[in-house]
Structures are given as structure tokens and as C-alpha cells.
Amino acid sequence: MTASAAERSPVRVTLADLMRLRPAGEALRLTAPRVRAASAGGHLSPYKGRGIEYDESRPYQPGDDLRTIDWRVTARTGKPHTKVFREERNRPVFVCLDLRRPMMFATRGAFKGVRGAEITALVAWAAIANGDRLGGVVFSEAEHRELRPALGVRAALRLMKLVADDAFWSRREERDGDPLEAEAEHALERLTRVVRPGSIVFFVSDFRGIGTDAERHLRELAGHSDVFLVHVFDPLETELPPPGRYRIQGAGRTLAIETGDAAARARYRQHFEARTSRLRAMARRPGIHLVECRTVDEPRVVLAQHFRNA
């Protein structure tokens, strides 16, 4: 473990923590190496800005986004053609970070919320280094804050100050009827209103309480932008520990669990598998991409690996 990693708190982040990620973020390329369209900005991108500026149509090639098929030329020629767009110079990059109570949990590594905050910072620094406009949404059960897209280091610092705000990290007692699903749905509904075509959207969450309305908003966003579902989870969520009695401490509460019942273990495993299966099914749709990060993983390594292989 590096000295800097040893110094980081596993249960919350500070502005200094997020600023230290700048070199790692600036080394990231939020674009895959397989170029499909030239950008008018400072980099090349495989992500085409739908509805920005039409450039030309060309014969369809394997791997092209199905959303950009030029149906008129296809019908006229009898062969599939794809529209090519000239991307907006400073494309918007939005990060939507979930800091609801379930994100304040981990059995190994760091809290899911900490990993999500680190991913947000890395994406922010990468976007600013690429000359993109950066905006964001950070939400919990009690807070919902939005930042409009802006250029430069100030935009990254504004987002990181928001992410590190004590309001998101203070201890929150669980209350009956906490609107977990409603808060996620509201955050995504707001994104559908402010995200412009051709944007890149990162939704960073453990996807607990993400219902059909929230999924509908994600599909709507993917109709005109590239959406990255960043699934942050703890290893304990995939499989209960060996049979026994365990005491677990999360955000604001401590509970004991028994893991000896075989049927309960199977239901627990199936619950997580159902969530991941739903996410992977969504990621098979055009414009939606899935990134998986465990609480024991280093986010910079996860993101670098994903975009290297995209």
C-alpha cells in the first residue's frame, strides 16, 4: 500500500483527498482508442454527439452505434449507412453521484461512497484535462445539489467541494419510509432535463432502490448521450460470509446477522445477482456502458482498465 493510500480515510473524503487524484485523473482518457468520429475539440472521440452537427453519411461498419443509422440513405441505396456528426467543441460531461445511506457501508476497502467520490474526482479531472465542460449532481436522502456545466479547474473544484461537503457525510439515522428510490428517481429526472445531446453521463451508485422510473430516465438519456453506469459494491454484497454470527456497523447503526441458513444464503446471493443482471441487460442497449468497482478496488485502475479496453 502506498503512503497516500494509507493516509486516506475509509469512511469519508476531504477536498484534499480529491485534489490529490488530479494526476491520476488527467492521465485518463474518457474515450476509447477506436476512433469513429473526429472531434472539433482537443481530442478524438468514439462517442458521436447526436443532434449536434451533421457531417456526412457513410456505409455502416461493424461497431457503429445503431442510433446513428441514416435510414433515408439506407432506404435509397439498399445498404445500411451511418450518420457521422462533428462533435461539439467542449462537450458536457456530467457526473451524478449517489451518497444515500447505503453508500456509507463497506466491510473491506473503503465505504462505497468514498469509492464513488474518488471516481467522481477522477472523471472530473479527466474531463477538465480534455477541455470538456463539467457539471454534476450529488444527492442523498436529505440533500440534492446541482452544478451546471462549466470549463476549467474551477468547475472541478466546485464539484469536489460539493462532494466533500459535510452535509453528505454526517451521520444519518435510518428512519422508516426513507425515500431511497424517490431520491434516485428525482436525481435522474433532473438529469434528463439538463443534459444536452452529445454529452457523457456518469451515474455512480450501488443501484439499491433504483426502480423502473429511474431506469426509464437512464434509457431516455442514452437516447441522445453516452451513459456510464458505475456500479460500486462491497464484496459482502455478492455472497454472505461463512456460516456464523457477525456484527456489522454501517452509517448510523449496528446490526447482527446470522449466516448459517442455506436458503437465506441463496436468497441473498440471488438478490445481488438480480441487480447485476438488470444492470448488464441495460448495458446491452446502445449508448449504455457498465463499469463495476468493488470497495477493495482502486478506482483509477478500474477506470483506466475500462477505457483502455472499451
Protein backbone atom coordinates (compact mmCIF):
# COMPACT_ATOMS: atom_id res chain seq x y z
CA MET A 1 0.00 0.00 0.00
CA THR A 2 1.32 3.45 -0.88
CA ALA A 3 1.75 6.13 1.77
CA SER A 4 -1.00 8.24 0.24
CA ALA A 5 -3.39 5.28 0.23
CA ALA A 6 -2.61 4.57 3.88
CA GLU A 7 -3.42 8.18 4.82
CA ARG A 8 -6.88 8.17 3.24
CA SER A 9 -9.90 7.67 5.47
CA PRO A 10 -12.02 4.65 4.51
CA VAL A 11 -15.25 6.27 5.73
CA ARG A 12 -15.31 9.77 4.18
CA VAL A 13 -13.42 12.07 1.82
CA THR A 14 -11.95 15.53 2.10
CA LEU A 15 -11.29 18.11 -0.59
CA ALA A 16 -7.57 17.42 -0.19
CA ASP A 17 -8.16 13.71 -0.89
CA LEU A 18 -9.95 14.52 -4.13
CA MET A 19 -7.39 17.10 -5.25
CA ARG A 20 -4.59 14.55 -4.80
CA LEU A 21 -6.26 12.49 -7.54
CA ARG A 22 -5.58 15.16 -10.17
CA PRO A 23 -2.50 13.50 -11.78
CA ALA A 24 -4.29 10.13 -11.99
CA GLY A 25 -7.40 11.76 -13.44
CA GLU A 26 -5.51 13.80 -16.01
CA ALA A 27 -3.83 10.58 -17.19
CA LEU A 28 -7.23 9.06 -18.02
CA ARG A 29 -8.78 9.28 -21.46
CA LEU A 30 -12.55 9.19 -21.28
CA THR A 31 -12.54 7.95 -24.86
CA ALA A 32 -11.77 4.54 -26.31
CA PRO A 33 -8.84 4.19 -28.74
CA ARG A 34 -11.17 3.03 -31.52
CA VAL A 35 -11.98 6.36 -33.21
CA ARG A 36 -15.24 6.64 -35.14
CA ALA A 37 -15.66 10.39 -35.42
CA ALA A 38 -13.31 13.34 -35.31
CA SER A 39 -13.97 15.95 -32.65
CA ALA A 40 -13.60 19.67 -33.21
CA GLY A 41 -12.02 19.93 -29.78
CA GLY A 42 -8.69 18.83 -28.44
CA HIS A 43 -9.19 15.07 -28.68
CA LEU A 44 -10.70 12.32 -30.80
CA SER A 45 -13.77 10.52 -29.57
CA PRO A 46 -15.64 7.31 -30.37
CA TYR A 47 -18.75 8.93 -28.93
CA LYS A 48 -20.71 10.87 -31.51
CA GLY A 49 -22.71 13.91 -30.50
CA ARG A 50 -26.21 13.13 -31.75
CA GLY A 51 -28.07 16.23 -32.83
CA ILE A 52 -25.01 18.47 -32.65
CA GLU A 53 -23.81 19.00 -36.21
CA TYR A 54 -24.36 16.52 -39.04
CA ASP A 55 -21.24 15.97 -41.14
CA GLU A 56 -21.85 13.13 -43.62
CA SER A 57 -23.21 9.62 -44.10
CA ARG A 58 -21.03 6.64 -44.87
CA PRO A 59 -21.50 2.85 -45.20
CA TYR A 60 -22.20 1.12 -41.90
CA GLN A 61 -19.20 -0.53 -40.23
CA PRO A 62 -19.29 -3.21 -37.50
CA GLY A 63 -19.26 -1.50 -34.12
CA ASP A 64 -21.07 1.66 -35.25
CA ASP A 65 -23.77 2.97 -32.92
CA LEU A 66 -27.16 1.73 -34.17
CA ARG A 67 -28.73 5.02 -33.08
CA THR A 68 -26.86 6.84 -35.85
CA ILE A 69 -28.12 4.79 -38.81
CA ASP A 70 -29.21 7.09 -41.66
CA TRP A 71 -32.49 5.46 -42.59
CA ARG A 72 -33.12 7.67 -45.63
CA VAL A 73 -29.79 6.85 -47.28
CA THR A 74 -30.18 3.21 -46.24
CA ALA A 75 -33.60 3.03 -47.92
CA ARG A 76 -32.38 4.81 -51.05
CA THR A 77 -29.24 2.71 -51.56
CA GLY A 78 -30.43 -0.59 -50.11
CA LYS A 79 -27.29 -0.73 -47.96
CA PRO A 80 -27.01 0.40 -44.32
CA HIS A 81 -25.40 3.82 -43.84
CA THR A 82 -24.36 5.64 -40.67
CA LYS A 83 -24.56 9.35 -39.91
CA VAL A 84 -21.31 10.95 -38.79
CA PHE A 85 -21.51 14.04 -36.61
CA ARG A 86 -19.00 16.74 -35.90
CA GLU A 87 -18.84 16.80 -32.13
CA GLU A 88 -19.36 19.95 -30.11
CA ARG A 89 -16.05 21.57 -29.20
CA ASN A 90 -16.44 21.42 -25.44
CA ARG A 91 -18.77 18.52 -24.84
CA PRO A 92 -20.54 18.38 -21.47
CA VAL A 93 -19.52 15.68 -19.00
CA PHE A 94 -21.99 15.12 -16.14
CA VAL A 95 -21.30 13.09 -13.01
CA CYS A 96 -24.28 12.06 -10.88
CA LEU A 97 -23.06 10.74 -7.51
CA ASP A 98 -25.30 8.76 -5.17
CA LEU A 99 -24.44 9.41 -1.50
CA ARG A 100 -27.56 7.89 0.06
CA ARG A 101 -27.23 5.97 3.30
CA PRO A 102 -26.49 2.52 1.73
CA MET A 103 -23.39 4.05 0.10
CA MET A 104 -21.95 4.63 3.60
CA PHE A 105 -21.01 1.00 4.05
CA ALA A 106 -18.14 -1.40 3.46
CA THR A 107 -16.65 -4.47 5.07
CA ARG A 108 -13.37 -4.17 3.20
CA GLY A 109 -11.53 -1.36 1.47
CA ALA A 110 -13.44 1.92 1.79
CA PHE A 111 -17.09 2.93 2.01
CA LYS A 112 -18.96 2.71 -1.28
CA GLY A 113 -19.49 6.45 -1.01
CA VAL A 114 -15.73 7.03 -0.73
CA ARG A 115 -15.07 4.98 -3.86
CA GLY A 116 -17.86 6.84 -5.64
CA ALA A 117 -16.38 10.20 -4.61
CA GLU A 118 -12.95 9.13 -5.89
CA ILE A 119 -14.46 8.05 -9.21
CA THR A 120 -16.23 11.41 -9.45
CA ALA A 121 -12.96 13.26 -8.89
CA LEU A 122 -11.06 11.16 -11.44
CA VAL A 123 -13.74 11.75 -14.09
CA ALA A 124 -13.76 15.47 -13.25
CA TRP A 125 -10.00 15.86 -13.64
CA ALA A 126 -10.05 13.83 -16.86
CA ALA A 127 -12.84 15.97 -18.31
CA ILE A 128 -11.09 19.24 -17.46
CA ALA A 129 -7.81 17.97 -18.91
CA ASN A 130 -9.66 17.15 -22.16
CA GLY A 131 -11.12 20.65 -22.34
CA ASP A 132 -14.66 19.45 -21.68
CA ARG A 133 -17.36 21.25 -19.70
CA LEU A 134 -18.04 19.63 -16.35
CA GLY A 135 -21.34 19.50 -14.48
CA GLY A 136 -22.68 17.35 -11.70
CA VAL A 137 -25.44 16.21 -9.39
CA VAL A 138 -24.82 14.93 -5.86
CA PHE A 139 -27.73 13.57 -3.86
CA SER A 140 -28.66 11.79 -0.64
CA GLU A 141 -31.91 11.26 1.25
CA ALA A 142 -31.67 14.80 2.62
CA GLU A 143 -29.67 16.74 0.02
CA HIS A 144 -29.82 17.35 -3.72
CA ARG A 145 -27.29 19.72 -5.28
CA GLU A 146 -26.67 20.52 -8.95
CA LEU A 147 -23.84 22.24 -10.79
CA ARG A 148 -24.25 23.45 -14.35
CA PRO A 149 -21.52 22.51 -16.85
CA ALA A 150 -18.53 24.87 -16.87
CA LEU A 151 -14.97 24.90 -18.14
CA GLY A 152 -11.69 24.83 -16.29
CA VAL A 153 -10.22 23.88 -12.95
CA ARG A 154 -12.79 25.98 -11.09
CA ALA A 155 -15.53 23.66 -12.35
CA ALA A 156 -13.67 20.63 -10.98
CA LEU A 157 -13.04 22.31 -7.64
CA ARG A 158 -16.71 23.33 -7.31
CA LEU A 159 -17.79 19.73 -7.85
CA MET A 160 -15.21 18.32 -5.43
CA LYS A 161 -16.13 20.84 -2.72
CA LEU A 162 -19.71 19.73 -3.13
CA VAL A 163 -18.80 16.03 -2.94
CA ALA A 164 -16.73 16.62 0.23
CA ASP A 165 -19.43 18.72 1.93
CA ASP A 166 -20.14 17.60 5.50
CA ALA A 167 -23.87 17.53 4.73
CA PHE A 168 -23.34 14.35 2.71
CA TRP A 169 -21.04 12.64 5.20
CA SER A 170 -22.58 13.44 8.57
CA ARG A 171 -24.07 10.51 10.44
CA ARG A 172 -27.66 9.83 9.42
CA GLU A 173 -30.01 7.70 11.46
CA GLU A 174 -32.25 5.37 9.50
CA ARG A 175 -35.90 6.35 9.53
CA ASP A 176 -38.92 4.37 8.42
CA GLY A 177 -40.02 5.41 4.96
CA ASP A 178 -36.71 6.96 3.85
CA PRO A 179 -37.27 7.70 0.13
CA LEU A 180 -34.30 5.80 -1.31
CA GLU A 181 -35.99 5.10 -4.63
CA ALA A 182 -37.65 8.51 -4.83
CA GLU A 183 -34.37 10.40 -4.40
CA ALA A 184 -32.63 8.43 -7.15
CA GLU A 185 -35.59 8.86 -9.48
CA HIS A 186 -35.66 12.62 -8.79
CA ALA A 187 -31.92 12.99 -9.49
CA LEU A 188 -32.18 11.16 -12.80
CA GLU A 189 -35.34 13.00 -13.80
CA ARG A 190 -33.45 16.26 -13.28
CA LEU A 191 -30.61 14.96 -15.47
CA THR A 192 -33.00 14.29 -18.35
CA ARG A 193 -33.88 17.99 -18.24
CA VAL A 194 -30.38 19.46 -18.13
CA VAL A 195 -28.25 17.02 -20.15
CA ARG A 196 -27.82 18.12 -23.76
CA PRO A 197 -27.44 15.71 -26.70
CA GLY A 198 -23.88 14.52 -27.20
CA SER A 199 -23.00 14.60 -23.50
CA ILE A 200 -21.31 11.89 -21.47
CA VAL A 201 -23.11 10.99 -18.24
CA PHE A 202 -21.61 9.00 -15.35
CA PHE A 203 -24.14 7.68 -12.82
CA VAL A 204 -22.16 6.45 -9.80
CA SER A 205 -24.19 4.34 -7.37
CA ASP A 206 -24.65 0.97 -5.70
CA PHE A 207 -28.03 0.89 -7.54
CA ARG A 208 -30.02 -0.03 -4.45
CA GLY A 209 -33.56 1.21 -4.77
CA ILE A 210 -33.15 2.01 -8.47
CA GLY A 211 -36.64 1.26 -9.75
CA THR A 212 -38.35 1.22 -13.10
CA ASP A 213 -38.81 5.01 -13.23
CA ALA A 214 -35.09 5.61 -12.68
CA GLU A 215 -34.24 3.02 -15.33
CA ARG A 216 -36.60 4.74 -17.75
CA HIS A 217 -34.73 8.02 -17.22
CA LEU A 218 -31.41 6.29 -17.88
CA ARG A 219 -32.74 4.86 -21.15
CA GLU A 220 -34.02 8.29 -22.11
CA LEU A 221 -30.58 9.80 -21.50
CA ALA A 222 -28.96 7.04 -23.56
CA GLY A 223 -31.16 8.02 -26.49
CA HIS A 224 -29.00 11.07 -27.12
CA SER A 225 -25.94 10.76 -24.86
CA ASP A 226 -23.45 8.14 -23.71
CA VAL A 227 -24.33 6.88 -20.24
CA PHE A 228 -21.88 5.08 -17.93
CA LEU A 229 -23.42 3.10 -15.09
CA VAL A 230 -20.70 2.88 -12.44
CA HIS A 231 -21.75 0.12 -10.06
CA VAL A 232 -19.94 0.35 -6.71
CA PHE A 233 -20.40 -2.61 -4.37
CA ASP A 234 -18.88 -4.34 -1.36
CA PRO A 235 -17.67 -7.96 -1.69
CA LEU A 236 -20.06 -8.93 1.13
CA GLU A 237 -22.98 -7.96 -1.13
CA THR A 238 -22.14 -10.74 -3.58
CA GLU A 239 -22.04 -13.57 -1.02
CA LEU A 240 -22.58 -13.87 2.72
CA PRO A 241 -19.53 -14.87 4.81
CA PRO A 242 -19.17 -18.45 6.08
CA PRO A 243 -21.92 -19.62 8.44
CA GLY A 244 -21.77 -17.85 11.79
CA ARG A 245 -22.90 -14.76 13.70
CA TYR A 246 -21.46 -11.40 12.67
CA ARG A 247 -21.80 -7.82 13.87
CA ILE A 248 -21.89 -5.19 11.12
CA GLN A 249 -21.61 -1.44 11.56
CA GLY A 250 -22.91 0.89 8.87
CA ALA A 251 -23.98 4.51 8.69
CA GLY A 252 -25.74 5.23 11.95
CA ARG A 253 -26.48 1.70 13.10
CA THR A 254 -25.02 -1.64 14.17
CA LEU A 255 -26.68 -4.96 13.45
CA ALA A 256 -26.01 -8.63 13.97
CA ILE A 257 -26.56 -11.20 11.24
CA GLU A 258 -26.75 -14.99 11.22
CA THR A 259 -25.41 -16.61 8.04
CA GLY A 260 -25.99 -20.29 8.69
CA ASP A 261 -29.34 -20.73 6.92
CA ALA A 262 -28.71 -22.20 3.44
CA ALA A 263 -31.98 -20.90 1.99
CA ALA A 264 -31.28 -17.38 3.28
CA ARG A 265 -27.79 -17.50 1.79
CA ALA A 266 -29.23 -18.49 -1.57
CA ARG A 267 -31.83 -15.69 -1.48
CA TYR A 268 -29.13 -13.18 -0.55
CA ARG A 269 -26.93 -14.24 -3.47
CA GLN A 270 -29.87 -14.22 -5.89
CA HIS A 271 -30.83 -10.69 -4.82
CA PHE A 272 -27.42 -9.33 -5.80
CA GLU A 273 -27.33 -11.39 -9.00
CA ALA A 274 -30.71 -9.98 -10.00
CA ARG A 275 -29.43 -6.42 -9.57
CA THR A 276 -26.28 -7.02 -11.58
CA SER A 277 -28.20 -8.92 -14.27
CA ARG A 278 -30.54 -5.96 -14.65
CA LEU A 279 -27.60 -3.58 -15.00
CA ARG A 280 -25.87 -5.81 -17.54
CA ALA A 281 -29.08 -6.07 -19.54
CA MET A 282 -29.31 -2.28 -19.62
CA ALA A 283 -25.67 -2.08 -20.73
CA ARG A 284 -26.51 -4.13 -23.81
CA ARG A 285 -28.59 -1.22 -25.07
CA PRO A 286 -26.90 1.28 -27.42
CA GLY A 287 -25.34 4.16 -25.54
CA ILE A 288 -25.18 2.49 -22.11
CA HIS A 289 -21.92 1.19 -20.66
CA LEU A 290 -21.32 -0.62 -17.35
CA VAL A 291 -18.30 -0.13 -15.09
CA GLU A 292 -18.04 -2.28 -11.96
CA CYS A 293 -15.93 -1.22 -8.96
CA ARG A 294 -15.65 -3.08 -5.67
CA THR A 295 -14.86 -1.29 -2.42
CA VAL A 296 -11.48 -3.07 -2.38
CA ASP A 297 -10.55 -1.79 -5.86
CA GLU A 298 -8.55 1.32 -6.74
CA PRO A 299 -10.90 3.45 -8.90
CA ARG A 300 -8.07 4.83 -11.03
CA VAL A 301 -7.13 1.27 -12.02
CA VAL A 302 -10.76 0.32 -12.73
CA LEU A 303 -11.35 3.37 -14.95
CA ALA A 304 -8.02 3.05 -16.75
CA GLN A 305 -8.73 -0.61 -17.50
CA HIS A 306 -12.25 0.10 -18.72
CA PHE A 307 -11.36 2.88 -21.10
CA ARG A 308 -8.29 1.04 -22.34
CA ASN A 309 -10.48 -1.92 -23.31
CA ALA A 310 -13.57 -0.01 -24.46
